[in-house]
């Protein structure tokens, strides 16, 4: 398998399940939401320009991944969000567990990929939070 930062690391099946919000709607949702939801000013430079239709969940994913060292940038945001949503699609529809996904990773891609997986679960598929422990070496 190719590196995790390339488009479709875990397949493209989730691409059809992710519907992008319109630019104006998504930006207004981000700026209007309160109570801890991120705003466009919370995002790293270049993210909003690269993905003007970013949703609140996608913004949470970016912020969580970056806080843990995954370094999502404007250049990688589309691929990284696709990776995150595809991970959740695989968990929901593919009959796999996080440990199955991690087992497919090479030693080179595992560090960043596990950060993306850990950020994807609460943002896109919190029903699988109980499997996050599988990301640890003892999980």
C-alpha atoms as a PDB file:
ATOM      1  CA  UNK A   1       0.000   0.000   0.000  1.00  0.00           C
ATOM      2  CA  UNK A   2       1.119   3.526  -0.653  1.00  0.00           C
ATOM      3  CA  UNK A   3       1.842   6.141   2.004  1.00  0.00           C
ATOM      4  CA  UNK A   4      -0.936   7.393   4.234  1.00  0.00           C
ATOM      5  CA  UNK A   5      -0.617  10.969   3.038  1.00  0.00           C
ATOM      6  CA  UNK A   6      -1.609  10.033  -0.484  1.00  0.00           C
ATOM      7  CA  UNK A   7      -5.207  10.335  -1.577  1.00  0.00           C
ATOM      8  CA  UNK A   8      -7.280   7.271  -0.768  1.00  0.00           C
ATOM      9  CA  UNK A   9      -4.863   5.481   1.584  1.00  0.00           C
ATOM     10  CA  UNK A  10      -7.606   3.129   2.774  1.00  0.00           C
ATOM     11  CA  UNK A  11      -9.610   3.248  -0.460  1.00  0.00           C
ATOM     12  CA  UNK A  12     -11.987   5.656  -2.105  1.00  0.00           C
ATOM     13  CA  UNK A  13     -15.281   4.151  -1.007  1.00  0.00           C
ATOM     14  CA  UNK A  14     -15.915   6.859   1.584  1.00  0.00           C
ATOM     15  CA  UNK A  15     -15.550   9.674  -0.921  1.00  0.00           C
ATOM     16  CA  UNK A  16     -19.115   9.202  -2.096  1.00  0.00           C
ATOM     17  CA  UNK A  17     -20.430   9.263   1.463  1.00  0.00           C
ATOM     18  CA  UNK A  18     -18.929  12.625   2.329  1.00  0.00           C
ATOM     19  CA  UNK A  19     -20.982  15.534   1.071  1.00  0.00           C
ATOM     20  CA  UNK A  20     -19.169  18.880   1.189  1.00  0.00           C
ATOM     21  CA  UNK A  21     -21.103  21.859   2.435  1.00  0.00           C
ATOM     22  CA  UNK A  22     -21.160  25.002   0.302  1.00  0.00           C
ATOM     23  CA  UNK A  23     -18.424  27.513   1.050  1.00  0.00           C
ATOM     24  CA  UNK A  24     -20.624  30.217   2.485  1.00  0.00           C
ATOM     25  CA  UNK A  25     -22.658  27.798   4.580  1.00  0.00           C
ATOM     26  CA  UNK A  26     -19.640  26.016   6.052  1.00  0.00           C
ATOM     27  CA  UNK A  27     -17.782  29.205   6.863  1.00  0.00           C
ATOM     28  CA  UNK A  28     -20.892  30.702   8.440  1.00  0.00           C
ATOM     29  CA  UNK A  29     -21.421  27.530  10.484  1.00  0.00           C
ATOM     30  CA  UNK A  30     -17.865  27.683  11.763  1.00  0.00           C
ATOM     31  CA  UNK A  31     -18.007  31.355  12.620  1.00  0.00           C
ATOM     32  CA  UNK A  32     -21.500  31.258  14.116  1.00  0.00           C
ATOM     33  CA  UNK A  33     -21.126  28.182  16.320  1.00  0.00           C
ATOM     34  CA  UNK A  34     -20.397  28.707  19.954  1.00  0.00           C
ATOM     35  CA  UNK A  35     -19.889  26.469  22.919  1.00  0.00           C
ATOM     36  CA  UNK A  36     -16.463  25.196  22.010  1.00  0.00           C
ATOM     37  CA  UNK A  37     -16.902  24.643  18.289  1.00  0.00           C
ATOM     38  CA  UNK A  38     -13.904  25.882  16.324  1.00  0.00           C
ATOM     39  CA  UNK A  39     -14.074  29.012  14.207  1.00  0.00           C
ATOM     40  CA  UNK A  40     -12.196  29.746  11.016  1.00  0.00           C
ATOM     41  CA  UNK A  41      -9.742  31.855  13.021  1.00  0.00           C
ATOM     42  CA  UNK A  42      -8.856  28.778  15.106  1.00  0.00           C
ATOM     43  CA  UNK A  43      -7.581  26.901  12.042  1.00  0.00           C
ATOM     44  CA  UNK A  44      -3.940  26.953  10.989  1.00  0.00           C
ATOM     45  CA  UNK A  45      -2.987  29.314   8.191  1.00  0.00           C
ATOM     46  CA  UNK A  46      -3.892  28.010   4.766  1.00  0.00           C
ATOM     47  CA  UNK A  47      -6.563  25.512   5.829  1.00  0.00           C
ATOM     48  CA  UNK A  48      -9.607  27.672   5.097  1.00  0.00           C
ATOM     49  CA  UNK A  49      -8.112  28.890   1.816  1.00  0.00           C
ATOM     50  CA  UNK A  50      -7.424  25.308   0.740  1.00  0.00           C
ATOM     51  CA  UNK A  51     -10.794  24.007   1.948  1.00  0.00           C
ATOM     52  CA  UNK A  52     -13.318  26.848   2.059  1.00  0.00           C
ATOM     53  CA  UNK A  53     -16.142  24.328   2.565  1.00  0.00           C
ATOM     54  CA  UNK A  54     -14.639  22.917   5.774  1.00  0.00           C
ATOM     55  CA  UNK A  55     -17.284  21.688   8.207  1.00  0.00           C
ATOM     56  CA  UNK A  56     -17.208  21.929  11.982  1.00  0.00           C
ATOM     57  CA  UNK A  57     -16.354  18.204  12.280  1.00  0.00           C
ATOM     58  CA  UNK A  58     -13.559  18.553   9.728  1.00  0.00           C
ATOM     59  CA  UNK A  59     -12.189  21.579  11.594  1.00  0.00           C
ATOM     60  CA  UNK A  60     -12.253  19.608  14.854  1.00  0.00           C
ATOM     61  CA  UNK A  61     -10.348  16.803  13.109  1.00  0.00           C
ATOM     62  CA  UNK A  62      -7.706  19.231  11.812  1.00  0.00           C
ATOM     63  CA  UNK A  63      -7.245  20.908  15.179  1.00  0.00           C
ATOM     64  CA  UNK A  64      -7.064  17.615  17.096  1.00  0.00           C
ATOM     65  CA  UNK A  65      -4.621  16.059  14.631  1.00  0.00           C
ATOM     66  CA  UNK A  66      -2.414  19.159  14.662  1.00  0.00           C
ATOM     67  CA  UNK A  67      -2.497  19.357  18.470  1.00  0.00           C
ATOM     68  CA  UNK A  68      -1.075  15.841  18.570  1.00  0.00           C
ATOM     69  CA  UNK A  69       1.605  16.466  15.927  1.00  0.00           C
ATOM     70  CA  UNK A  70       0.099  15.298  12.624  1.00  0.00           C
ATOM     71  CA  UNK A  71       0.717  18.729  11.030  1.00  0.00           C
ATOM     72  CA  UNK A  72      -2.215  19.094   8.658  1.00  0.00           C
ATOM     73  CA  UNK A  73      -1.604  22.005   6.292  1.00  0.00           C
ATOM     74  CA  UNK A  74      -3.422  23.622   3.405  1.00  0.00           C
ATOM     75  CA  UNK A  75      -1.476  21.327   1.087  1.00  0.00           C
ATOM     76  CA  UNK A  76      -2.538  18.143   2.912  1.00  0.00           C
ATOM     77  CA  UNK A  77      -5.976  19.001   4.318  1.00  0.00           C
ATOM     78  CA  UNK A  78      -8.068  17.435   1.539  1.00  0.00           C
ATOM     79  CA  UNK A  79      -6.112  14.169   1.571  1.00  0.00           C
ATOM     80  CA  UNK A  80      -6.005  14.041   5.359  1.00  0.00           C
ATOM     81  CA  UNK A  81      -9.757  14.611   5.727  1.00  0.00           C
ATOM     82  CA  UNK A  82     -10.371  11.963   3.073  1.00  0.00           C
ATOM     83  CA  UNK A  83      -8.147   9.591   5.030  1.00  0.00           C
ATOM     84  CA  UNK A  84     -10.045  10.346   8.245  1.00  0.00           C
ATOM     85  CA  UNK A  85     -13.478   9.862   6.715  1.00  0.00           C
ATOM     86  CA  UNK A  86     -12.342   6.716   4.902  1.00  0.00           C
ATOM     87  CA  UNK A  87     -11.098   5.270   8.183  1.00  0.00           C
ATOM     88  CA  UNK A  88     -14.556   5.767   9.644  1.00  0.00           C
ATOM     89  CA  UNK A  89     -16.212   4.348   6.557  1.00  0.00           C
ATOM     90  CA  UNK A  90     -14.036   1.222   6.897  1.00  0.00           C
ATOM     91  CA  UNK A  91     -14.961   0.869  10.565  1.00  0.00           C
ATOM     92  CA  UNK A  92     -18.686   1.319   9.892  1.00  0.00           C
ATOM     93  CA  UNK A  93     -19.014  -0.626   6.644  1.00  0.00           C
ATOM     94  CA  UNK A  94     -15.911  -2.734   6.196  1.00  0.00           C
ATOM     95  CA  UNK A  95     -16.173  -5.043   9.156  1.00  0.00           C
ATOM     96  CA  UNK A  96     -12.731  -4.050  10.425  1.00  0.00           C
ATOM     97  CA  UNK A  97     -11.383  -2.696  13.659  1.00  0.00           C
ATOM     98  CA  UNK A  98      -8.751  -0.029  14.218  1.00  0.00           C
ATOM     99  CA  UNK A  99      -6.156  -2.722  14.894  1.00  0.00           C
ATOM    100  CA  UNK A 100      -6.837  -4.143  11.401  1.00  0.00           C
ATOM    101  CA  UNK A 101      -6.177  -0.753   9.825  1.00  0.00           C
ATOM    102  CA  UNK A 102      -3.033  -0.194  11.877  1.00  0.00           C
ATOM    103  CA  UNK A 103      -1.735  -3.644  10.899  1.00  0.00           C
ATOM    104  CA  UNK A 104      -1.682  -2.509   7.247  1.00  0.00           C
ATOM    105  CA  UNK A 105       0.637   0.426   7.946  1.00  0.00           C
ATOM    106  CA  UNK A 106       4.345   0.412   7.270  1.00  0.00           C
ATOM    107  CA  UNK A 107       6.696   1.564  10.051  1.00  0.00           C
ATOM    108  CA  UNK A 108       7.256   4.791   8.101  1.00  0.00           C
ATOM    109  CA  UNK A 109       3.581   5.725   7.806  1.00  0.00           C
ATOM    110  CA  UNK A 110       2.366   4.405  11.178  1.00  0.00           C
ATOM    111  CA  UNK A 111       3.295   7.401  13.378  1.00  0.00           C
ATOM    112  CA  UNK A 112       1.344   9.996  11.372  1.00  0.00           C
ATOM    113  CA  UNK A 113      -1.428   7.596  10.384  1.00  0.00           C
ATOM    114  CA  UNK A 114      -2.173   6.689  13.999  1.00  0.00           C
ATOM    115  CA  UNK A 115      -2.461  10.403  14.806  1.00  0.00           C
ATOM    116  CA  UNK A 116      -4.937  10.818  11.946  1.00  0.00           C
ATOM    117  CA  UNK A 117      -6.913   7.772  13.105  1.00  0.00           C
ATOM    118  CA  UNK A 118      -6.999   9.064  16.683  1.00  0.00           C
ATOM    119  CA  UNK A 119      -8.304  12.443  15.473  1.00  0.00           C
ATOM    120  CA  UNK A 120     -10.785  10.914  13.014  1.00  0.00           C
ATOM    121  CA  UNK A 121     -12.657   8.834  15.581  1.00  0.00           C
ATOM    122  CA  UNK A 122     -14.029  11.665  17.777  1.00  0.00           C
ATOM    123  CA  UNK A 123     -14.593  13.958  14.792  1.00  0.00           C
ATOM    124  CA  UNK A 124     -16.238  11.591  12.308  1.00  0.00           C
ATOM    125  CA  UNK A 125     -17.267   8.372  14.057  1.00  0.00           C
ATOM    126  CA  UNK A 126     -17.362   8.710  17.856  1.00  0.00           C
ATOM    127  CA  UNK A 127     -19.268   5.416  18.145  1.00  0.00           C
ATOM    128  CA  UNK A 128     -15.883   3.710  17.673  1.00  0.00           C
ATOM    129  CA  UNK A 129     -14.143   5.567  20.503  1.00  0.00           C
ATOM    130  CA  UNK A 130     -13.814   2.326  22.478  1.00  0.00           C
ATOM    131  CA  UNK A 131     -11.340   1.065  19.845  1.00  0.00           C
ATOM    132  CA  UNK A 132      -8.899   3.986  20.157  1.00  0.00           C
ATOM    133  CA  UNK A 133      -6.931   1.964  22.711  1.00  0.00           C
ATOM    134  CA  UNK A 134      -5.962  -0.330  19.824  1.00  0.00           C
ATOM    135  CA  UNK A 135      -3.637   2.424  18.602  1.00  0.00           C
ATOM    136  CA  UNK A 136      -1.262   1.881  21.501  1.00  0.00           C
ATOM    137  CA  UNK A 137       1.486  -0.737  21.232  1.00  0.00           C
ATOM    138  CA  UNK A 138      -0.261  -2.747  23.934  1.00  0.00           C
ATOM    139  CA  UNK A 139      -3.799  -2.191  22.501  1.00  0.00           C
END
